[in-house]
Amino acid sequence: MRRLLLRSWLWKPRIDDEVDGELAFHLEMRTREYLAQGLTPEAARRAALARFGSVTRTTVQCRDLALRRDRTMDRRQYLSELRQDATFAARQLLKNPGFAVVTTLTLALGIGGTAAIFSVVNAVVLKPLPVREPQQLVRV
C-alpha cells in the first residue's frame, strides 16, 4: 500500500499539465465539430475559442479545483491508511495479550524514567541558581 502511495506521489502528473491538456482537448473537439459543419480551420478555431470563453479564467478555476481535489484525495487516503493500521494493531494486540501487556509496561517505565531524569537534570543543571551573581560562586 505504501509503495502505491509513493509511486502515485512520484509519478502523479502535474496539475498544470493535466489542466492544460484537458482544456486543449476540449478546444480541439469543439474545433473539429465546427470543421465538420464546414468552417475553415481558422474560423473554426476562433469560433471554438469564442464559445469556450476566457481560457485564462477557466484555467485558473480548473487549477483551483484540481488542487482541492488532490488535497481531499490525499487526506482521504491518509485517513484510510491510518484506520487500516489501527485495525491491524488492535487485532495483533488482541491476538497476543501477553505481548501487549509487556509492551505497555515497558513503554510506561521508559517514559516515566525519562520524565523523572529530565526533571532532576532540569532542576539541578539547566535552571540558574537563585542568587544575584551566580558566575561568582566557587566550589571549595
C-alpha atoms as a PDB file:
ATOM      1  CA  MET A   1       0.000   0.000   0.000  1.00  0.00           C
ATOM      2  CA  ARG A   2       2.787   2.436   0.912  1.00  0.00           C
ATOM      3  CA  ARG A   3       4.606   1.558  -2.318  1.00  0.00           C
ATOM      4  CA  LEU A   4       1.473   2.517  -4.249  1.00  0.00           C
ATOM      5  CA  LEU A   5       1.287   5.839  -2.374  1.00  0.00           C
ATOM      6  CA  LEU A   6       4.950   6.586  -3.118  1.00  0.00           C
ATOM      7  CA  ARG A   7       4.540   5.671  -6.785  1.00  0.00           C
ATOM      8  CA  SER A   8       1.441   7.873  -7.194  1.00  0.00           C
ATOM      9  CA  TRP A   9       3.235  10.751  -5.453  1.00  0.00           C
ATOM     10  CA  LEU A  10       6.352  10.479  -7.609  1.00  0.00           C
ATOM     11  CA  TRP A  11       4.670   9.916 -10.963  1.00  0.00           C
ATOM     12  CA  LYS A  12       1.488  11.896 -10.499  1.00  0.00           C
ATOM     13  CA  PRO A  13       1.002  14.289 -13.433  1.00  0.00           C
ATOM     14  CA  ARG A  14       1.446  17.927 -12.549  1.00  0.00           C
ATOM     15  CA  ILE A  15      -1.806  19.796 -12.133  1.00  0.00           C
ATOM     16  CA  ASP A  16      -0.779  22.442 -14.677  1.00  0.00           C
ATOM     17  CA  ASP A  17      -0.075  19.780 -17.316  1.00  0.00           C
ATOM     18  CA  GLU A  18      -3.306  17.981 -16.504  1.00  0.00           C
ATOM     19  CA  VAL A  19      -5.424  21.150 -16.787  1.00  0.00           C
ATOM     20  CA  ASP A  20      -3.667  22.379 -19.937  1.00  0.00           C
ATOM     21  CA  GLY A  21      -4.122  19.009 -21.611  1.00  0.00           C
ATOM     22  CA  GLU A  22      -7.789  18.819 -20.693  1.00  0.00           C
ATOM     23  CA  LEU A  23      -8.558  22.330 -21.940  1.00  0.00           C
ATOM     24  CA  ALA A  24      -6.608  21.736 -25.165  1.00  0.00           C
ATOM     25  CA  PHE A  25      -8.622  18.540 -25.698  1.00  0.00           C
ATOM     26  CA  HIS A  26     -11.944  20.354 -25.293  1.00  0.00           C
ATOM     27  CA  LEU A  27     -10.910  23.176 -27.617  1.00  0.00           C
ATOM     28  CA  GLU A  28      -9.714  20.644 -30.197  1.00  0.00           C
ATOM     29  CA  MET A  29     -13.014  18.732 -30.028  1.00  0.00           C
ATOM     30  CA  ARG A  30     -15.041  21.939 -30.418  1.00  0.00           C
ATOM     31  CA  THR A  31     -12.804  22.981 -33.357  1.00  0.00           C
ATOM     32  CA  ARG A  32     -13.354  19.615 -35.061  1.00  0.00           C
ATOM     33  CA  GLU A  33     -17.086  19.995 -34.548  1.00  0.00           C
ATOM     34  CA  TYR A  34     -17.014  23.365 -36.346  1.00  0.00           C
ATOM     35  CA  LEU A  35     -14.792  21.936 -39.089  1.00  0.00           C
ATOM     36  CA  ALA A  36     -17.369  19.203 -39.646  1.00  0.00           C
ATOM     37  CA  GLN A  37     -20.008  21.928 -40.053  1.00  0.00           C
ATOM     38  CA  GLY A  38     -17.962  23.391 -42.929  1.00  0.00           C
ATOM     39  CA  LEU A  39     -15.978  26.244 -41.374  1.00  0.00           C
ATOM     40  CA  THR A  40     -12.357  26.909 -42.328  1.00  0.00           C
ATOM     41  CA  PRO A  41      -9.714  25.837 -39.757  1.00  0.00           C
ATOM     42  CA  GLU A  42      -9.044  29.433 -38.674  1.00  0.00           C
ATOM     43  CA  ALA A  43     -12.739  30.286 -38.378  1.00  0.00           C
ATOM     44  CA  ALA A  44     -13.419  27.018 -36.536  1.00  0.00           C
ATOM     45  CA  ARG A  45     -10.650  27.769 -34.019  1.00  0.00           C
ATOM     46  CA  ARG A  46     -11.911  31.331 -33.467  1.00  0.00           C
ATOM     47  CA  ALA A  47     -15.489  30.085 -33.011  1.00  0.00           C
ATOM     48  CA  ALA A  48     -14.326  27.424 -30.555  1.00  0.00           C
ATOM     49  CA  LEU A  49     -12.384  29.993 -28.529  1.00  0.00           C
ATOM     50  CA  ALA A  50     -15.334  32.402 -28.605  1.00  0.00           C
ATOM     51  CA  ARG A  51     -17.748  29.727 -27.379  1.00  0.00           C
ATOM     52  CA  PHE A  52     -15.294  28.479 -24.756  1.00  0.00           C
ATOM     53  CA  GLY A  53     -14.890  31.908 -23.156  1.00  0.00           C
ATOM     54  CA  SER A  54     -11.884  33.148 -21.229  1.00  0.00           C
ATOM     55  CA  VAL A  55      -9.246  30.420 -21.340  1.00  0.00           C
ATOM     56  CA  THR A  56      -7.189  32.094 -18.598  1.00  0.00           C
ATOM     57  CA  ARG A  57     -10.112  32.317 -16.158  1.00  0.00           C
ATOM     58  CA  THR A  58     -11.134  28.737 -16.893  1.00  0.00           C
ATOM     59  CA  THR A  59      -7.540  27.553 -16.420  1.00  0.00           C
ATOM     60  CA  VAL A  60      -7.281  29.257 -13.025  1.00  0.00           C
ATOM     61  CA  GLN A  61     -10.625  27.824 -11.896  1.00  0.00           C
ATOM     62  CA  CYS A  62      -9.677  24.323 -13.034  1.00  0.00           C
ATOM     63  CA  ARG A  63      -6.302  24.511 -11.261  1.00  0.00           C
ATOM     64  CA  ASP A  64      -8.019  25.570  -8.034  1.00  0.00           C
ATOM     65  CA  LEU A  65     -10.488  22.704  -8.340  1.00  0.00           C
ATOM     66  CA  ALA A  66      -7.678  20.237  -9.071  1.00  0.00           C
ATOM     67  CA  LEU A  67      -5.677  21.418  -6.042  1.00  0.00           C
ATOM     68  CA  ARG A  68      -8.707  20.977  -3.774  1.00  0.00           C
ATOM     69  CA  ARG A  69      -9.392  17.564  -5.297  1.00  0.00           C
ATOM     70  CA  ASP A  70      -5.811  16.429  -4.683  1.00  0.00           C
ATOM     71  CA  ARG A  71      -5.847  17.674  -1.073  1.00  0.00           C
ATOM     72  CA  THR A  72      -9.142  15.889  -0.415  1.00  0.00           C
ATOM     73  CA  MET A  73      -7.890  12.678  -2.002  1.00  0.00           C
ATOM     74  CA  ASP A  74      -4.612  12.799  -0.054  1.00  0.00           C
ATOM     75  CA  ARG A  75      -6.491  13.377   3.217  1.00  0.00           C
ATOM     76  CA  ARG A  76      -8.894  10.505   2.490  1.00  0.00           C
ATOM     77  CA  GLN A  77      -6.035   8.185   1.612  1.00  0.00           C
ATOM     78  CA  TYR A  78      -4.139   9.139   4.791  1.00  0.00           C
ATOM     79  CA  LEU A  79      -7.197   8.570   6.991  1.00  0.00           C
ATOM     80  CA  SER A  80      -7.952   5.281   5.263  1.00  0.00           C
ATOM     81  CA  GLU A  81      -4.396   4.028   5.830  1.00  0.00           C
ATOM     82  CA  LEU A  82      -4.485   5.227   9.452  1.00  0.00           C
ATOM     83  CA  ARG A  83      -7.718   3.293  10.031  1.00  0.00           C
ATOM     84  CA  GLN A  84      -6.206   0.176   8.452  1.00  0.00           C
ATOM     85  CA  ASP A  85      -3.065   0.474  10.597  1.00  0.00           C
ATOM     86  CA  ALA A  86      -5.081   0.982  13.800  1.00  0.00           C
ATOM     87  CA  THR A  87      -7.295  -2.005  12.983  1.00  0.00           C
ATOM     88  CA  PHE A  88      -4.259  -4.187  12.316  1.00  0.00           C
ATOM     89  CA  ALA A  89      -2.564  -3.065  15.544  1.00  0.00           C
ATOM     90  CA  ALA A  90      -5.697  -3.760  17.604  1.00  0.00           C
ATOM     91  CA  ARG A  91      -6.072  -7.201  16.016  1.00  0.00           C
ATOM     92  CA  GLN A  92      -2.449  -8.074  16.739  1.00  0.00           C
ATOM     93  CA  LEU A  93      -2.672  -6.852  20.340  1.00  0.00           C
ATOM     94  CA  LEU A  94      -5.847  -8.864  20.936  1.00  0.00           C
ATOM     95  CA  LYS A  95      -4.217 -11.926  19.402  1.00  0.00           C
ATOM     96  CA  ASN A  96      -1.178 -11.639  21.758  1.00  0.00           C
ATOM     97  CA  PRO A  97      -2.374 -10.134  25.065  1.00  0.00           C
ATOM     98  CA  GLY A  98       0.853 -11.041  26.915  1.00  0.00           C
ATOM     99  CA  PHE A  99       2.948  -9.150  24.422  1.00  0.00           C
ATOM    100  CA  ALA A 100       0.562  -6.184  24.690  1.00  0.00           C
ATOM    101  CA  VAL A 101       0.940  -6.062  28.479  1.00  0.00           C
ATOM    102  CA  VAL A 102       4.744  -6.345  28.377  1.00  0.00           C
ATOM    103  CA  THR A 103       4.978  -3.693  25.662  1.00  0.00           C
ATOM    104  CA  THR A 104       2.692  -1.309  27.541  1.00  0.00           C
ATOM    105  CA  LEU A 105       4.638  -1.735  30.786  1.00  0.00           C
ATOM    106  CA  THR A 106       7.955  -1.243  29.007  1.00  0.00           C
ATOM    107  CA  LEU A 107       6.749   1.969  27.394  1.00  0.00           C
ATOM    108  CA  ALA A 108       5.300   3.228  30.694  1.00  0.00           C
ATOM    109  CA  LEU A 109       8.554   2.581  32.561  1.00  0.00           C
ATOM    110  CA  GLY A 110      10.656   4.143  29.805  1.00  0.00           C
ATOM    111  CA  ILE A 111       8.541   7.283  29.574  1.00  0.00           C
ATOM    112  CA  GLY A 112       8.292   7.605  33.370  1.00  0.00           C
ATOM    113  CA  GLY A 113      12.044   7.162  33.845  1.00  0.00           C
ATOM    114  CA  THR A 114      12.862   9.665  31.152  1.00  0.00           C
ATOM    115  CA  ALA A 115      10.494  12.236  32.660  1.00  0.00           C
ATOM    116  CA  ALA A 116      11.980  11.735  36.145  1.00  0.00           C
ATOM    117  CA  ILE A 117      15.585  12.079  34.948  1.00  0.00           C
ATOM    118  CA  PHE A 118      14.730  15.172  32.919  1.00  0.00           C
ATOM    119  CA  SER A 119      13.047  16.770  35.946  1.00  0.00           C
ATOM    120  CA  VAL A 120      16.185  16.247  38.028  1.00  0.00           C
ATOM    121  CA  VAL A 121      18.553  17.469  35.307  1.00  0.00           C
ATOM    122  CA  ASN A 122      16.334  20.479  34.646  1.00  0.00           C
ATOM    123  CA  ALA A 123      16.214  21.455  38.323  1.00  0.00           C
ATOM    124  CA  VAL A 124      19.930  20.870  39.015  1.00  0.00           C
ATOM    125  CA  VAL A 125      21.762  21.694  35.780  1.00  0.00           C
ATOM    126  CA  LEU A 126      19.619  23.729  33.419  1.00  0.00           C
ATOM    127  CA  LYS A 127      17.918  26.283  35.689  1.00  0.00           C
ATOM    128  CA  PRO A 128      20.167  29.030  37.035  1.00  0.00           C
ATOM    129  CA  LEU A 129      20.755  29.231  40.775  1.00  0.00           C
ATOM    130  CA  PRO A 130      18.548  31.693  42.684  1.00  0.00           C
ATOM    131  CA  VAL A 131      21.402  34.081  43.613  1.00  0.00           C
ATOM    132  CA  ARG A 132      22.264  37.555  42.384  1.00  0.00           C
ATOM    133  CA  GLU A 133      25.549  36.758  40.611  1.00  0.00           C
ATOM    134  CA  PRO A 134      25.822  33.005  40.009  1.00  0.00           C
ATOM    135  CA  GLN A 135      29.044  33.378  37.964  1.00  0.00           C
ATOM    136  CA  GLN A 136      30.914  34.418  41.152  1.00  0.00           C
ATOM    137  CA  LEU A 137      30.101  31.188  43.007  1.00  0.00           C
ATOM    138  CA  VAL A 138      33.083  28.964  43.631  1.00  0.00           C
ATOM    139  CA  ARG A 139      33.242  25.351  44.745  1.00  0.00           C
ATOM    140  CA  VAL A 140      35.713  24.661  47.556  1.00  0.00           C
END
